[in-house]
């Protein structure tokens, strides 16, 4: 997955939806905010729909490099956090506490590479290996939090704790062995390694969301 047209399209739809809703809900207020947490850096907009119910949308992203070891192979890679959300915030008691539900466009992806003497399948190869791990592009979300950006006026604090239901990771391995004669056998071992990795991570179906932020009501 690449952070190109799909998330930008999602963000555009999100912005249009927020603007349309804001036009019909001006009496309830409109706020913009910034977030930082496990989804990366984010920009959010919130509109009040009715008493105790708000609509919140945002776009988030962050890149950072890290090393990851799996099945004895150490990958040098980059984790790209890319997502866009549309959430309903329900404030059951009329205060800051909220229950949130909705969905994320999920463009999170890890890409890494390893080079040298690598154990692939039952053999050892002098090769270069490229790995990509991504998840379902749509992830339902459920969580709780604190903060009502459109209540009162001026600045407000926000906190989110929840889970994105991302589905099992998809693993893709590609590579090139230094000796072309071994390439076919290498490809067969690569497919077995790919299947084994997917079995190892199939239970990782959730992504934790923990974010802190500030918002300003206009």
Protein backbone atom coordinates (compact mmCIF):
# COMPACT_ATOMS: atom_id res chain seq x y z
CA UNK A 1 0.00 0.00 0.00
CA UNK A 2 1.17 3.50 -0.74
CA UNK A 3 0.07 6.81 0.77
CA UNK A 4 -1.05 8.11 -2.62
CA UNK A 5 -4.52 8.48 -4.12
CA UNK A 6 -6.61 6.24 -1.87
CA UNK A 7 -5.94 7.91 1.49
CA UNK A 8 -5.95 11.34 -0.11
CA UNK A 9 -9.33 10.51 -1.66
CA UNK A 10 -10.53 9.28 1.74
CA UNK A 11 -9.27 12.45 3.39
CA UNK A 12 -11.02 14.58 0.75
CA UNK A 13 -14.31 12.78 1.30
CA UNK A 14 -13.82 13.12 5.03
CA UNK A 15 -13.23 16.86 4.73
CA UNK A 16 -16.25 17.33 2.49
CA UNK A 17 -18.39 15.34 4.89
CA UNK A 18 -17.24 17.39 7.86
CA UNK A 19 -17.82 20.68 6.04
CA UNK A 20 -21.32 19.62 4.98
CA UNK A 21 -22.18 18.48 8.47
CA UNK A 22 -20.69 21.65 9.94
CA UNK A 23 -22.92 23.75 7.73
CA UNK A 24 -26.01 22.02 9.13
CA UNK A 25 -24.77 21.88 12.72
CA UNK A 26 -23.28 25.31 13.33
CA UNK A 27 -25.40 25.74 16.41
CA UNK A 28 -23.64 22.75 17.96
CA UNK A 29 -20.14 24.04 17.16
CA UNK A 30 -17.10 23.15 15.11
CA UNK A 31 -13.55 22.46 16.33
CA UNK A 32 -10.14 21.60 14.91
CA UNK A 33 -7.52 19.68 16.83
CA UNK A 34 -4.14 17.96 16.68
CA UNK A 35 -3.33 14.45 17.91
CA UNK A 36 -0.18 12.48 18.72
CA UNK A 37 -0.05 8.79 19.53
CA UNK A 38 0.02 5.30 18.09
CA UNK A 39 -1.61 6.44 14.85
CA UNK A 40 1.11 9.07 14.39
CA UNK A 41 0.61 12.81 14.06
CA UNK A 42 -2.92 13.79 13.19
CA UNK A 43 -5.29 16.60 12.34
CA UNK A 44 -8.94 16.24 13.39
CA UNK A 45 -12.19 18.08 12.87
CA UNK A 46 -15.25 17.73 15.12
CA UNK A 47 -18.81 18.89 14.57
CA UNK A 48 -21.71 18.67 16.99
CA UNK A 49 -24.68 16.77 15.60
CA UNK A 50 -27.01 17.00 18.60
CA UNK A 51 -26.86 16.88 22.38
CA UNK A 52 -24.27 14.31 23.51
CA UNK A 53 -23.38 13.26 19.94
CA UNK A 54 -20.51 14.52 17.76
CA UNK A 55 -18.99 13.50 14.43
CA UNK A 56 -15.18 13.45 14.31
CA UNK A 57 -12.84 12.84 11.41
CA UNK A 58 -9.10 12.95 11.00
CA UNK A 59 -6.02 12.09 8.99
CA UNK A 60 -2.86 10.70 10.59
CA UNK A 61 0.65 9.73 9.57
CA UNK A 62 4.21 9.13 10.69
CA UNK A 63 7.32 7.38 9.35
CA UNK A 64 10.13 5.88 11.36
CA UNK A 65 12.87 3.32 10.84
CA UNK A 66 13.38 0.25 12.95
CA UNK A 67 14.96 -3.21 12.89
CA UNK A 68 12.84 -6.35 13.07
CA UNK A 69 14.02 -9.93 13.53
CA UNK A 70 11.80 -12.79 12.40
CA UNK A 71 12.74 -16.46 11.93
CA UNK A 72 16.41 -15.62 12.45
CA UNK A 73 16.47 -12.92 9.74
CA UNK A 74 17.08 -9.31 10.75
CA UNK A 75 15.33 -6.77 8.55
CA UNK A 76 16.23 -3.10 8.25
CA UNK A 77 12.95 -1.41 7.58
CA UNK A 78 10.54 1.46 7.76
CA UNK A 79 7.16 1.56 9.44
CA UNK A 80 4.74 3.87 7.65
CA UNK A 81 1.67 4.90 9.64
CA UNK A 82 -1.06 6.16 7.30
CA UNK A 83 -4.73 6.35 8.23
CA UNK A 84 -7.92 8.38 8.00
CA UNK A 85 -10.86 8.05 10.38
CA UNK A 86 -14.55 8.89 10.58
CA UNK A 87 -15.97 8.39 14.10
CA UNK A 88 -19.11 9.07 16.09
CA UNK A 89 -18.48 10.27 19.68
CA UNK A 90 -21.28 9.65 22.17
CA UNK A 91 -21.11 11.50 25.51
CA UNK A 92 -23.61 9.49 27.58
CA UNK A 93 -23.33 11.66 30.68
CA UNK A 94 -23.09 14.99 28.91
CA UNK A 95 -19.51 15.61 30.06
CA UNK A 96 -16.08 14.84 28.65
CA UNK A 97 -16.28 11.03 28.78
CA UNK A 98 -17.16 9.52 25.43
CA UNK A 99 -17.68 6.22 23.66
CA UNK A 100 -16.44 6.25 20.05
CA UNK A 101 -17.25 3.97 17.12
CA UNK A 102 -16.58 4.15 13.42
CA UNK A 103 -13.92 3.15 10.93
CA UNK A 104 -10.40 3.85 9.71
CA UNK A 105 -8.87 3.75 6.29
CA UNK A 106 -5.80 1.74 7.26
CA UNK A 107 -2.67 2.31 5.17
CA UNK A 108 -0.18 1.17 7.82
CA UNK A 109 2.70 -0.79 6.31
CA UNK A 110 6.10 -2.21 7.26
CA UNK A 111 8.68 -2.66 4.52
CA UNK A 112 12.14 -4.05 5.17
CA UNK A 113 15.10 -5.74 3.57
CA UNK A 114 17.85 -8.16 4.54
CA UNK A 115 21.03 -9.07 2.67
CA UNK A 116 23.84 -11.58 3.07
CA UNK A 117 23.81 -15.21 4.18
CA UNK A 118 20.14 -15.91 4.86
CA UNK A 119 18.41 -19.06 6.08
CA UNK A 120 15.34 -19.44 3.86
CA UNK A 121 13.34 -22.63 4.24
CA UNK A 122 15.76 -25.52 4.69
CA UNK A 123 18.65 -23.87 2.85
CA UNK A 124 21.10 -21.01 3.25
CA UNK A 125 21.47 -18.51 0.43
CA UNK A 126 23.64 -15.53 -0.37
CA UNK A 127 20.75 -13.28 -1.30
CA UNK A 128 18.79 -10.09 -0.87
CA UNK A 129 15.33 -10.34 0.63
CA UNK A 130 12.57 -7.71 0.60
CA UNK A 131 9.56 -8.00 2.90
CA UNK A 132 6.28 -6.08 3.07
CA UNK A 133 3.65 -6.44 5.77
CA UNK A 134 0.28 -4.68 5.58
CA UNK A 135 -3.29 -5.09 6.81
CA UNK A 136 -6.89 -4.74 5.64
CA UNK A 137 -7.49 -1.30 4.16
CA UNK A 138 -10.68 -0.82 6.21
CA UNK A 139 -10.56 -1.24 9.98
CA UNK A 140 -13.63 -0.87 12.23
CA UNK A 141 -12.90 1.04 15.45
CA UNK A 142 -14.29 0.94 18.97
CA UNK A 143 -12.96 2.88 21.93
CA UNK A 144 -13.46 5.28 24.80
CA UNK A 145 -11.97 8.65 25.50
CA UNK A 146 -12.25 12.01 27.19
CA UNK A 147 -12.86 15.44 25.76
CA UNK A 148 -15.66 17.27 23.99
CA UNK A 149 -14.10 19.65 21.50
CA UNK A 150 -17.35 21.48 20.71
CA UNK A 151 -18.52 21.96 24.31
CA UNK A 152 -17.79 25.32 25.87
CA UNK A 153 -15.32 27.52 24.02
CA UNK A 154 -11.65 27.87 23.24
CA UNK A 155 -9.14 25.13 23.95
CA UNK A 156 -9.87 21.60 25.19
CA UNK A 157 -7.87 18.47 25.98
CA UNK A 158 -8.53 15.10 24.30
CA UNK A 159 -7.64 11.49 25.07
CA UNK A 160 -8.46 8.33 23.11
CA UNK A 161 -8.06 4.65 23.99
CA UNK A 162 -9.38 2.04 21.60
CA UNK A 163 -8.78 -0.70 19.05
CA UNK A 164 -8.68 -0.86 15.27
CA UNK A 165 -9.82 -4.26 14.01
CA UNK A 166 -7.27 -4.62 11.22
CA UNK A 167 -7.51 -8.31 10.34
CA UNK A 168 -4.51 -10.63 10.06
CA UNK A 169 -1.37 -9.16 8.45
CA UNK A 170 -0.56 -9.86 4.81
CA UNK A 171 3.07 -10.84 4.22
CA UNK A 172 4.83 -10.53 0.87
CA UNK A 173 8.42 -11.69 0.33
CA UNK A 174 10.52 -11.08 -2.74
CA UNK A 175 14.22 -11.55 -3.34
CA UNK A 176 17.17 -12.27 -5.55
CA UNK A 177 19.84 -14.90 -4.96
CA UNK A 178 23.43 -14.17 -6.00
CA UNK A 179 23.73 -17.44 -7.96
CA UNK A 180 21.10 -17.43 -10.76
CA UNK A 181 21.19 -21.23 -10.92
CA UNK A 182 19.61 -21.36 -7.46
CA UNK A 183 16.86 -18.83 -8.18
CA UNK A 184 14.07 -21.38 -8.80
CA UNK A 185 14.83 -23.30 -5.60
CA UNK A 186 15.14 -19.99 -3.77
CA UNK A 187 11.67 -18.94 -4.98
CA UNK A 188 10.15 -22.20 -3.73
CA UNK A 189 11.75 -21.75 -0.30
CA UNK A 190 10.62 -18.11 -0.30
CA UNK A 191 6.97 -19.10 -0.75
CA UNK A 192 7.26 -21.57 2.15
CA UNK A 193 8.89 -18.87 4.30
CA UNK A 194 6.13 -16.43 3.37
CA UNK A 195 3.43 -18.93 4.38
CA UNK A 196 5.20 -19.64 7.66
CA UNK A 197 5.44 -15.95 8.50
CA UNK A 198 1.74 -15.45 7.80
CA UNK A 199 0.95 -18.37 10.12
CA UNK A 200 3.16 -16.84 12.82
CA UNK A 201 1.38 -13.47 12.75
CA UNK A 202 -2.19 -14.48 11.85
CA UNK A 203 -3.44 -13.79 15.40
CA UNK A 204 -2.26 -10.16 15.32
CA UNK A 205 -5.63 -8.79 14.21
CA UNK A 206 -5.83 -5.63 16.34
CA UNK A 207 -4.00 -2.32 16.41
CA UNK A 208 -4.09 -0.33 19.68
CA UNK A 209 -5.02 3.34 19.47
CA UNK A 210 -3.70 5.59 22.23
CA UNK A 211 -3.75 9.28 21.37
CA UNK A 212 -3.46 12.60 23.18
CA UNK A 213 -4.41 15.94 21.70
CA UNK A 214 -5.66 19.49 21.86
CA UNK A 215 -8.62 21.05 20.06
CA UNK A 216 -9.93 24.56 19.56
CA UNK A 217 -13.60 25.42 19.11
CA UNK A 218 -14.44 28.16 16.61
